[in-house]
Amino acid sequence: MFIAPGAEVYKGQVIGIHQRSGDLALNVCKKKAATNVRSNKEQSVVLDTPLDYSLDDCIEYIQEDELVEITPQSIRMCKNPKFAKKGR
C-alpha cells in the first residue's frame, strides 16, 4: 500500500501494488461486507505500514499510462485521464 489508513483518496489514484499483471479497480472507501463466519473471537485487520516512495522511486515505478503528481504536502501516483478516455 502507498497510502495510510484514513488518508484522503480520489478516483484514479494508485494506492498499492497488485500481485498480478494489469490494473485492479477497487473502491478503498467502501466498507468490507460482513462475513458469515461464526466465531466468538474478535477479528482484527492488521495493515502493513505504507510504503514511502521518493520522487525518483515513483518515476521509476509508474507505467506508461500513469502520472506522478507532486504537491507541497505529498507525492502521489495516478492514472492518466487521457488514457482512460481512449479506452485503454
Protein backbone atom coordinates (compact mmCIF):
# COMPACT_ATOMS: atom_id res chain seq x y z
CA MET A 1 0.00 0.00 0.00
CA PHE A 2 1.10 3.53 -0.76
CA ILE A 3 -1.48 5.26 1.44
CA ALA A 4 -2.09 5.19 5.19
CA PRO A 5 -5.48 4.26 6.68
CA GLY A 6 -7.76 7.30 6.77
CA ALA A 7 -5.87 9.18 4.04
CA GLU A 8 -7.93 11.10 1.50
CA VAL A 9 -8.00 9.44 -1.93
CA TYR A 10 -9.51 10.30 -5.29
CA LYS A 11 -10.65 8.40 -8.37
CA GLY A 12 -7.73 7.12 -10.42
CA GLN A 13 -5.14 7.34 -7.65
CA VAL A 14 -2.65 4.46 -7.47
CA ILE A 15 -2.91 3.17 -3.90
CA GLY A 16 -0.88 -0.02 -3.91
CA ILE A 17 0.85 -2.87 -5.71
CA HIS A 18 -1.20 -5.68 -7.28
CA GLN A 19 0.38 -9.15 -7.37
CA ARG A 20 -0.75 -9.94 -10.91
CA SER A 21 -0.13 -8.02 -14.11
CA GLY A 22 -2.68 -5.39 -15.07
CA ASP A 23 -4.68 -2.93 -13.03
CA LEU A 24 -7.23 -3.75 -10.36
CA ALA A 25 -10.06 -1.25 -9.91
CA LEU A 26 -11.44 -1.06 -6.39
CA ASN A 27 -13.14 1.32 -4.01
CA VAL A 28 -10.99 1.80 -0.90
CA CYS A 29 -13.68 3.91 0.77
CA LYS A 30 -16.25 1.09 0.72
CA LYS A 31 -16.65 -0.84 3.97
CA LYS A 32 -15.92 -4.57 3.83
CA ALA A 33 -19.04 -6.73 3.73
CA ALA A 34 -19.86 -8.74 6.82
CA THR A 35 -18.87 -12.38 6.55
CA ASN A 36 -20.94 -15.37 7.57
CA VAL A 37 -18.23 -16.70 9.88
CA ARG A 38 -19.42 -17.95 13.24
CA SER A 39 -16.78 -17.25 15.79
CA ASN A 40 -16.54 -15.94 19.31
CA LYS A 41 -13.24 -14.23 18.57
CA GLU A 42 -12.99 -10.62 17.53
CA GLN A 43 -11.48 -10.29 14.07
CA SER A 44 -8.93 -7.53 13.67
CA VAL A 45 -7.23 -6.43 10.49
CA VAL A 46 -3.52 -5.69 10.69
CA LEU A 47 -2.23 -3.46 7.90
CA ASP A 48 1.40 -3.13 6.94
CA THR A 49 2.93 0.33 7.15
CA PRO A 50 2.52 2.19 3.85
CA LEU A 51 5.49 2.41 1.51
CA ASP A 52 7.03 5.88 1.44
CA TYR A 53 8.29 6.42 -2.10
CA SER A 54 10.54 9.30 -3.09
CA LEU A 55 10.08 11.20 -6.36
CA ASP A 56 12.74 9.05 -8.04
CA ASP A 57 11.06 5.85 -6.82
CA CYS A 58 7.67 6.98 -8.15
CA ILE A 59 9.07 7.91 -11.56
CA GLU A 60 10.78 4.53 -11.75
CA TYR A 61 7.62 2.67 -10.68
CA ILE A 62 4.92 4.20 -12.93
CA GLN A 63 3.74 2.64 -16.19
CA GLU A 64 3.16 4.45 -19.50
CA ASP A 65 -0.50 5.19 -18.59
CA GLU A 66 0.29 6.73 -15.16
CA LEU A 67 1.46 10.10 -13.86
CA VAL A 68 3.31 11.34 -10.78
CA GLU A 69 1.51 14.18 -9.00
CA ILE A 70 3.67 16.43 -6.84
CA THR A 71 2.20 18.87 -4.29
CA PRO A 72 3.86 20.64 -1.37
CA GLN A 73 2.30 18.08 1.02
CA SER A 74 2.74 14.82 -0.91
CA ILE A 75 3.88 12.81 -3.90
CA ARG A 76 1.13 10.65 -5.40
CA MET A 77 0.76 8.39 -8.43
CA CYS A 78 -2.40 8.37 -10.54
CA LYS A 79 -3.79 7.05 -13.81
CA ASN A 80 -3.52 9.43 -16.77
CA PRO A 81 -7.09 10.58 -17.61
CA LYS A 82 -6.18 10.88 -21.31
CA PHE A 83 -5.56 7.12 -21.49
CA ALA A 84 -8.87 6.37 -19.72
CA LYS A 85 -10.84 8.35 -22.32
CA LYS A 86 -9.23 6.41 -25.17
CA GLY A 87 -10.43 3.14 -23.68
CA ARG A 88 -7.05 1.76 -22.70
